[in-house]
Amino acid sequence: MKKENTNIISTLMLKKLISSAKKARDKAYAPYSKFKVGAAVLTDKNKIFTGCNIENASYSLTICAERIAISKAVSEGCKNLKAIVIIADTKEPVSPCGACRQFMIEFNPDMIVIMANLNRKIKIENIKDLLPHNFKL
């Protein structure tokens, strides 16, 4: 974890976020790829919103877990996002796709991204480091 990220969320909140993302993953709709992903986003008011990936037979219509969690937060009026957890059944902690990275940075260029897997491995990065040359108007 990078030094500037160490005091953003407590260990207890990190555990709660990971647990929430894992529960969301169980609800994923992934009949085609069987690749289930869960996400949990934390707002500046310590409210958690979750999401899971939802596939579609027309693959381009598939929606990632991260974008669903963030969309739920924003649709409820929460636009100040501190952190997000993404979890999947992968060998290494799962990383967000490029579209999700751009989606995340829109709401907080200092957002903490906690990438996890079901084997309790985690990797923590700042979204700016994951998308250094993001699109801006």
N, C-alpha and C. Protein backbone atom coordinates (compact mmCIF):
# COMPACT_ATOMS: atom_id res chain seq x y z
N MET A 1 0.85 -1.16 0.00
CA MET A 1 0.00 0.00 0.00
C MET A 1 0.90 1.24 0.00
N LYS A 2 0.54 2.20 -0.83
CA LYS A 2 1.32 3.42 -0.89
C LYS A 2 1.09 4.26 0.37
N LYS A 3 2.10 5.01 0.78
CA LYS A 3 2.05 5.75 2.03
C LYS A 3 0.84 6.67 2.14
N GLU A 4 0.50 7.41 1.04
CA GLU A 4 -0.62 8.34 1.13
C GLU A 4 -1.96 7.63 1.29
N ASN A 5 -2.02 6.33 1.07
CA ASN A 5 -3.27 5.58 1.15
C ASN A 5 -3.49 4.93 2.52
N THR A 6 -2.52 4.98 3.39
CA THR A 6 -2.59 4.18 4.61
C THR A 6 -3.68 4.61 5.59
N ASN A 7 -4.10 5.86 5.59
CA ASN A 7 -5.08 6.31 6.56
C ASN A 7 -6.46 6.56 5.96
N ILE A 8 -6.68 6.16 4.73
CA ILE A 8 -7.95 6.41 4.07
C ILE A 8 -9.07 5.57 4.69
N ILE A 9 -8.82 4.29 4.90
CA ILE A 9 -9.83 3.41 5.50
C ILE A 9 -9.18 2.53 6.57
N SER A 10 -9.97 2.20 7.57
CA SER A 10 -9.47 1.37 8.66
C SER A 10 -9.41 -0.10 8.23
N THR A 11 -8.71 -0.88 8.99
CA THR A 11 -8.64 -2.32 8.75
C THR A 11 -10.02 -2.95 8.84
N LEU A 12 -10.81 -2.50 9.81
CA LEU A 12 -12.17 -3.01 9.98
C LEU A 12 -13.03 -2.69 8.76
N MET A 13 -12.92 -1.45 8.25
CA MET A 13 -13.68 -1.06 7.07
C MET A 13 -13.21 -1.85 5.85
N LEU A 14 -11.92 -2.08 5.75
CA LEU A 14 -11.39 -2.87 4.64
C LEU A 14 -12.01 -4.27 4.66
N LYS A 15 -12.06 -4.89 5.82
CA LYS A 15 -12.67 -6.22 5.94
C LYS A 15 -14.14 -6.19 5.56
N LYS A 16 -14.85 -5.15 5.99
CA LYS A 16 -16.27 -5.01 5.68
C LYS A 16 -16.48 -4.83 4.16
N LEU A 17 -15.64 -4.04 3.54
CA LEU A 17 -15.72 -3.83 2.10
C LEU A 17 -15.47 -5.12 1.32
N ILE A 18 -14.44 -5.85 1.73
CA ILE A 18 -14.13 -7.12 1.06
C ILE A 18 -15.27 -8.11 1.23
N SER A 19 -15.82 -8.19 2.42
CA SER A 19 -16.95 -9.08 2.68
C SER A 19 -18.16 -8.68 1.83
N SER A 20 -18.42 -7.39 1.73
CA SER A 20 -19.54 -6.90 0.93
C SER A 20 -19.35 -7.22 -0.54
N ALA A 21 -18.14 -7.04 -1.04
CA ALA A 21 -17.85 -7.34 -2.45
C ALA A 21 -17.99 -8.84 -2.72
N LYS A 22 -17.55 -9.65 -1.77
CA LYS A 22 -17.66 -11.10 -1.92
C LYS A 22 -19.12 -11.54 -1.98
N LYS A 23 -19.96 -10.96 -1.14
CA LYS A 23 -21.39 -11.28 -1.15
C LYS A 23 -22.03 -10.82 -2.47
N ALA A 24 -21.62 -9.67 -2.95
CA ALA A 24 -22.15 -9.18 -4.22
C ALA A 24 -21.76 -10.11 -5.37
N ARG A 25 -20.53 -10.63 -5.32
CA ARG A 25 -20.05 -11.55 -6.34
C ARG A 25 -20.96 -12.77 -6.46
N ASP A 26 -21.49 -13.22 -5.35
CA ASP A 26 -22.37 -14.39 -5.36
C ASP A 26 -23.64 -14.15 -6.17
N LYS A 27 -23.99 -12.89 -6.39
CA LYS A 27 -25.20 -12.54 -7.13
C LYS A 27 -24.94 -12.30 -8.62
N ALA A 28 -23.69 -12.42 -9.03
CA ALA A 28 -23.34 -12.14 -10.43
C ALA A 28 -24.12 -13.01 -11.41
N TYR A 29 -24.40 -12.42 -12.57
CA TYR A 29 -25.06 -13.14 -13.66
C TYR A 29 -24.00 -13.31 -14.74
N ALA A 30 -23.39 -14.49 -14.78
CA ALA A 30 -22.28 -14.75 -15.70
C ALA A 30 -22.44 -16.12 -16.37
N PRO A 31 -23.57 -16.35 -17.08
CA PRO A 31 -23.81 -17.66 -17.66
C PRO A 31 -22.89 -18.00 -18.83
N TYR A 32 -22.26 -17.02 -19.42
CA TYR A 32 -21.44 -17.26 -20.61
C TYR A 32 -19.97 -17.48 -20.24
N SER A 33 -19.40 -16.58 -19.48
CA SER A 33 -17.99 -16.69 -19.12
C SER A 33 -17.76 -17.46 -17.83
N LYS A 34 -18.78 -17.53 -16.98
CA LYS A 34 -18.67 -18.12 -15.64
C LYS A 34 -17.70 -17.32 -14.75
N PHE A 35 -17.31 -16.13 -15.19
CA PHE A 35 -16.37 -15.28 -14.46
C PHE A 35 -17.17 -14.27 -13.63
N LYS A 36 -17.34 -14.58 -12.35
CA LYS A 36 -18.14 -13.74 -11.45
C LYS A 36 -17.25 -12.73 -10.74
N VAL A 37 -17.71 -11.49 -10.72
CA VAL A 37 -16.97 -10.40 -10.08
C VAL A 37 -17.92 -9.65 -9.15
N GLY A 38 -17.40 -9.25 -8.00
CA GLY A 38 -18.15 -8.43 -7.06
C GLY A 38 -17.38 -7.16 -6.77
N ALA A 39 -18.11 -6.11 -6.42
CA ALA A 39 -17.47 -4.84 -6.08
C ALA A 39 -18.23 -4.18 -4.94
N ALA A 40 -17.51 -3.41 -4.15
CA ALA A 40 -18.11 -2.61 -3.09
C ALA A 40 -17.40 -1.27 -3.07
N VAL A 41 -18.17 -0.20 -3.17
CA VAL A 41 -17.60 1.14 -3.18
C VAL A 41 -17.95 1.84 -1.87
N LEU A 42 -16.99 2.60 -1.35
CA LEU A 42 -17.14 3.31 -0.08
C LEU A 42 -17.22 4.80 -0.35
N THR A 43 -18.27 5.45 0.20
CA THR A 43 -18.43 6.89 0.02
C THR A 43 -17.72 7.66 1.13
N ASP A 44 -17.67 8.96 0.96
CA ASP A 44 -17.05 9.82 1.98
C ASP A 44 -17.82 9.80 3.29
N LYS A 45 -19.06 9.33 3.27
CA LYS A 45 -19.89 9.22 4.48
C LYS A 45 -19.87 7.79 5.03
N ASN A 46 -18.93 6.97 4.53
CA ASN A 46 -18.76 5.57 4.93
C ASN A 46 -19.96 4.69 4.62
N LYS A 47 -20.68 5.03 3.58
CA LYS A 47 -21.79 4.21 3.10
C LYS A 47 -21.22 3.29 2.02
N ILE A 48 -21.68 2.05 2.01
CA ILE A 48 -21.19 1.06 1.05
C ILE A 48 -22.28 0.73 0.04
N PHE A 49 -21.90 0.71 -1.23
CA PHE A 49 -22.78 0.28 -2.32
C PHE A 49 -22.08 -0.87 -3.03
N THR A 50 -22.84 -1.89 -3.37
CA THR A 50 -22.24 -3.07 -4.01
C THR A 50 -22.76 -3.25 -5.43
N GLY A 51 -22.03 -4.07 -6.16
CA GLY A 51 -22.44 -4.43 -7.52
C GLY A 51 -21.81 -5.74 -7.93
N CYS A 52 -22.39 -6.37 -8.92
CA CYS A 52 -21.85 -7.59 -9.49
C CYS A 52 -21.90 -7.46 -11.01
N ASN A 53 -21.09 -8.24 -11.69
CA ASN A 53 -21.13 -8.17 -13.14
C ASN A 53 -22.41 -8.83 -13.65
N ILE A 54 -22.92 -8.29 -14.75
CA ILE A 54 -24.12 -8.81 -15.39
C ILE A 54 -23.81 -8.97 -16.87
N GLU A 55 -23.76 -10.23 -17.30
CA GLU A 55 -23.43 -10.51 -18.69
C GLU A 55 -24.68 -10.46 -19.56
N ASN A 56 -24.43 -10.43 -20.86
CA ASN A 56 -25.49 -10.45 -21.84
C ASN A 56 -25.01 -11.26 -23.03
N ALA A 57 -25.93 -11.93 -23.71
CA ALA A 57 -25.56 -12.72 -24.88
C ALA A 57 -24.85 -11.85 -25.92
N SER A 58 -25.21 -10.58 -25.98
CA SER A 58 -24.49 -9.62 -26.81
C SER A 58 -23.42 -9.03 -25.90
N TYR A 59 -22.22 -9.61 -25.94
CA TYR A 59 -21.18 -9.30 -24.96
C TYR A 59 -20.94 -7.81 -24.72
N SER A 60 -21.10 -6.98 -25.74
CA SER A 60 -20.84 -5.55 -25.55
C SER A 60 -21.82 -4.91 -24.57
N LEU A 61 -22.92 -5.57 -24.26
CA LEU A 61 -23.90 -5.05 -23.31
C LEU A 61 -23.62 -5.48 -21.88
N THR A 62 -22.59 -6.29 -21.68
CA THR A 62 -22.21 -6.73 -20.34
C THR A 62 -21.79 -5.52 -19.50
N ILE A 63 -22.16 -5.53 -18.22
CA ILE A 63 -21.82 -4.43 -17.32
C ILE A 63 -20.93 -4.97 -16.19
N CYS A 64 -19.84 -4.29 -15.93
CA CYS A 64 -18.90 -4.70 -14.89
C CYS A 64 -19.43 -4.37 -13.50
N ALA A 65 -19.00 -5.14 -12.52
CA ALA A 65 -19.41 -4.96 -11.13
C ALA A 65 -19.06 -3.56 -10.61
N GLU A 66 -17.90 -3.06 -10.97
CA GLU A 66 -17.44 -1.76 -10.49
C GLU A 66 -18.38 -0.65 -10.93
N ARG A 67 -18.77 -0.69 -12.20
CA ARG A 67 -19.65 0.36 -12.73
C ARG A 67 -21.04 0.28 -12.13
N ILE A 68 -21.50 -0.94 -11.82
CA ILE A 68 -22.81 -1.06 -11.17
C ILE A 68 -22.75 -0.49 -9.76
N ALA A 69 -21.73 -0.83 -8.98
CA ALA A 69 -21.61 -0.31 -7.62
C ALA A 69 -21.54 1.22 -7.62
N ILE A 70 -20.72 1.78 -8.49
CA ILE A 70 -20.59 3.24 -8.56
C ILE A 70 -21.89 3.87 -9.03
N SER A 71 -22.54 3.26 -10.00
CA SER A 71 -23.82 3.80 -10.49
C SER A 71 -24.88 3.80 -9.40
N LYS A 72 -24.91 2.76 -8.59
CA LYS A 72 -25.86 2.72 -7.47
C LYS A 72 -25.57 3.85 -6.49
N ALA A 73 -24.31 4.09 -6.18
CA ALA A 73 -23.95 5.17 -5.26
C ALA A 73 -24.37 6.52 -5.84
N VAL A 74 -24.02 6.76 -7.08
CA VAL A 74 -24.33 8.04 -7.70
C VAL A 74 -25.84 8.24 -7.82
N SER A 75 -26.56 7.18 -8.16
CA SER A 75 -28.02 7.31 -8.29
C SER A 75 -28.70 7.59 -6.95
N GLU A 76 -27.99 7.33 -5.86
CA GLU A 76 -28.51 7.65 -4.53
C GLU A 76 -27.94 8.97 -4.00
N GLY A 77 -27.28 9.72 -4.87
CA GLY A 77 -26.77 11.04 -4.50
C GLY A 77 -25.38 11.06 -3.90
N CYS A 78 -24.69 9.93 -3.90
CA CYS A 78 -23.34 9.84 -3.33
C CYS A 78 -22.31 9.88 -4.45
N LYS A 79 -21.65 11.02 -4.60
CA LYS A 79 -20.67 11.18 -5.68
C LYS A 79 -19.24 11.29 -5.17
N ASN A 80 -19.07 11.40 -3.86
CA ASN A 80 -17.74 11.49 -3.28
C ASN A 80 -17.31 10.11 -2.81
N LEU A 81 -16.56 9.43 -3.65
CA LEU A 81 -16.20 8.04 -3.39
C LEU A 81 -14.75 7.95 -2.94
N LYS A 82 -14.53 7.19 -1.87
CA LYS A 82 -13.18 7.07 -1.29
C LYS A 82 -12.43 5.85 -1.78
N ALA A 83 -13.13 4.72 -1.84
CA ALA A 83 -12.43 3.46 -2.12
C ALA A 83 -13.39 2.49 -2.81
N ILE A 84 -12.79 1.52 -3.49
CA ILE A 84 -13.57 0.45 -4.10
C ILE A 84 -12.79 -0.85 -3.97
N VAL A 85 -13.53 -1.92 -3.69
CA VAL A 85 -12.96 -3.27 -3.67
C VAL A 85 -13.53 -4.02 -4.86
N ILE A 86 -12.66 -4.76 -5.54
CA ILE A 86 -13.07 -5.64 -6.63
C ILE A 86 -12.55 -7.03 -6.29
N ILE A 87 -13.42 -8.04 -6.40
CA ILE A 87 -13.01 -9.40 -6.04
C ILE A 87 -13.50 -10.40 -7.08
N ALA A 88 -12.66 -11.38 -7.36
CA ALA A 88 -13.02 -12.46 -8.29
C ALA A 88 -12.21 -13.70 -7.93
N ASP A 89 -12.59 -14.81 -8.52
CA ASP A 89 -11.89 -16.07 -8.30
C ASP A 89 -10.74 -16.17 -9.31
N THR A 90 -9.67 -15.45 -9.01
CA THR A 90 -8.50 -15.38 -9.88
C THR A 90 -7.26 -15.77 -9.07
N LYS A 91 -6.20 -16.12 -9.78
CA LYS A 91 -4.96 -16.50 -9.10
C LYS A 91 -4.36 -15.31 -8.35
N GLU A 92 -4.33 -14.17 -9.00
CA GLU A 92 -3.84 -12.93 -8.40
C GLU A 92 -5.03 -12.00 -8.19
N PRO A 93 -4.88 -10.95 -7.38
CA PRO A 93 -5.97 -10.00 -7.20
C PRO A 93 -6.45 -9.46 -8.56
N VAL A 94 -7.76 -9.38 -8.73
CA VAL A 94 -8.34 -8.98 -10.01
C VAL A 94 -8.21 -7.47 -10.21
N SER A 95 -7.87 -7.09 -11.41
CA SER A 95 -7.67 -5.68 -11.75
C SER A 95 -8.86 -5.16 -12.56
N PRO A 96 -9.25 -3.91 -12.37
CA PRO A 96 -10.37 -3.37 -13.14
C PRO A 96 -9.98 -3.16 -14.61
N CYS A 97 -10.96 -3.30 -15.49
CA CYS A 97 -10.71 -3.07 -16.92
C CYS A 97 -10.51 -1.57 -17.16
N GLY A 98 -10.09 -1.24 -18.35
CA GLY A 98 -9.84 0.17 -18.69
C GLY A 98 -11.08 1.04 -18.59
N ALA A 99 -12.22 0.52 -19.05
CA ALA A 99 -13.47 1.31 -18.98
C ALA A 99 -13.82 1.61 -17.53
N CYS A 100 -13.66 0.63 -16.66
CA CYS A 100 -13.96 0.85 -15.23
C CYS A 100 -12.98 1.84 -14.61
N ARG A 101 -11.74 1.79 -15.03
CA ARG A 101 -10.75 2.74 -14.50
C ARG A 101 -11.15 4.16 -14.84
N GLN A 102 -11.56 4.38 -16.08
CA GLN A 102 -11.99 5.72 -16.48
C GLN A 102 -13.25 6.12 -15.72
N PHE A 103 -14.16 5.18 -15.51
CA PHE A 103 -15.39 5.44 -14.77
C PHE A 103 -15.08 5.84 -13.34
N MET A 104 -14.14 5.15 -12.70
CA MET A 104 -13.76 5.42 -11.31
C MET A 104 -13.14 6.80 -11.15
N ILE A 105 -12.21 7.12 -12.03
CA ILE A 105 -11.44 8.36 -11.87
C ILE A 105 -12.33 9.59 -12.02
N GLU A 106 -13.46 9.43 -12.69
CA GLU A 106 -14.42 10.52 -12.85
C GLU A 106 -14.95 11.02 -11.50
N PHE A 107 -15.05 10.12 -10.54
CA PHE A 107 -15.65 10.46 -9.25
C PHE A 107 -14.64 10.77 -8.16
N ASN A 108 -13.39 10.39 -8.36
CA ASN A 108 -12.35 10.77 -7.40
C ASN A 108 -11.00 10.33 -7.93
N PRO A 109 -10.18 11.27 -8.39
CA PRO A 109 -8.87 10.89 -8.90
C PRO A 109 -7.94 10.33 -7.83
N ASP A 110 -8.34 10.44 -6.56
CA ASP A 110 -7.56 9.88 -5.46
C ASP A 110 -8.18 8.62 -4.88
N MET A 111 -9.17 8.05 -5.59
CA MET A 111 -9.84 6.85 -5.09
C MET A 111 -8.84 5.71 -4.90
N ILE A 112 -9.03 4.98 -3.82
CA ILE A 112 -8.22 3.81 -3.53
C ILE A 112 -8.90 2.61 -4.18
N VAL A 113 -8.13 1.83 -4.92
CA VAL A 113 -8.65 0.64 -5.58
C VAL A 113 -8.03 -0.58 -4.90
N ILE A 114 -8.89 -1.38 -4.28
CA ILE A 114 -8.44 -2.58 -3.57
C ILE A 114 -8.82 -3.78 -4.43
N MET A 115 -7.82 -4.39 -5.01
CA MET A 115 -8.02 -5.55 -5.88
C MET A 115 -7.82 -6.80 -5.03
N ALA A 116 -8.75 -7.75 -5.12
CA ALA A 116 -8.70 -8.92 -4.25
C ALA A 116 -9.06 -10.19 -5.02
N ASN A 117 -8.76 -11.31 -4.38
CA ASN A 117 -9.22 -12.60 -4.90
C ASN A 117 -9.81 -13.41 -3.74
N LEU A 118 -10.35 -14.57 -4.07
CA LEU A 118 -10.98 -15.38 -3.03
C LEU A 118 -9.99 -16.05 -2.09
N ASN A 119 -8.71 -16.00 -2.43
CA ASN A 119 -7.66 -16.57 -1.57
C ASN A 119 -7.07 -15.54 -0.62
N ARG A 120 -7.77 -14.44 -0.44
CA ARG A 120 -7.40 -13.38 0.50
C ARG A 120 -6.16 -12.59 0.11
N LYS A 121 -5.77 -12.66 -1.14
CA LYS A 121 -4.68 -11.80 -1.61
C LYS A 121 -5.30 -10.46 -1.98
N ILE A 122 -4.60 -9.40 -1.62
CA ILE A 122 -5.06 -8.07 -2.02
C ILE A 122 -3.89 -7.24 -2.54
N LYS A 123 -4.24 -6.30 -3.38
CA LYS A 123 -3.29 -5.33 -3.90
C LYS A 123 -4.01 -3.99 -3.87
N ILE A 124 -3.36 -2.97 -3.34
CA ILE A 124 -3.99 -1.66 -3.21
C ILE A 124 -3.21 -0.64 -4.02
N GLU A 125 -3.97 0.10 -4.84
CA GLU A 125 -3.38 1.14 -5.68
C GLU A 125 -4.29 2.36 -5.66
N ASN A 126 -3.76 3.47 -6.08
CA ASN A 126 -4.54 4.67 -6.29
C ASN A 126 -5.00 4.65 -7.75
N ILE A 127 -6.23 5.07 -8.02
CA ILE A 127 -6.73 5.04 -9.39
C ILE A 127 -5.85 5.87 -10.34
N LYS A 128 -5.25 6.94 -9.85
CA LYS A 128 -4.36 7.74 -10.70
C LYS A 128 -3.17 6.92 -11.19
N ASP A 129 -2.71 6.00 -10.35
CA ASP A 129 -1.59 5.16 -10.74
C ASP A 129 -2.02 4.08 -11.74
N LEU A 130 -3.28 3.65 -11.64
CA LEU A 130 -3.79 2.64 -12.57
C LEU A 130 -4.17 3.24 -13.93
N LEU A 131 -4.45 4.54 -13.94
CA LEU A 131 -4.85 5.22 -15.18
C LEU A 131 -4.20 6.59 -15.23
N PRO A 132 -2.89 6.63 -15.43
CA PRO A 132 -2.17 7.91 -15.35
C PRO A 132 -2.53 8.91 -16.44
N HIS A 133 -2.94 8.45 -17.58
CA HIS A 133 -3.26 9.35 -18.70
C HIS A 133 -4.75 9.24 -19.04
N ASN A 134 -5.58 9.55 -18.03
CA ASN A 134 -7.01 9.42 -18.19
C ASN A 134 -7.58 10.52 -19.09
N PHE A 135 -8.78 10.25 -19.59
CA PHE A 135 -9.47 11.20 -20.45
C PHE A 135 -10.09 12.30 -19.60
N LYS A 136 -9.84 13.54 -19.98
CA LYS A 136 -10.39 14.70 -19.27
C LYS A 136 -10.93 15.68 -20.31
N LEU A 137 -11.98 16.39 -19.95
CA LEU A 137 -12.50 17.47 -20.82
C LEU A 137 -11.87 18.77 -20.42
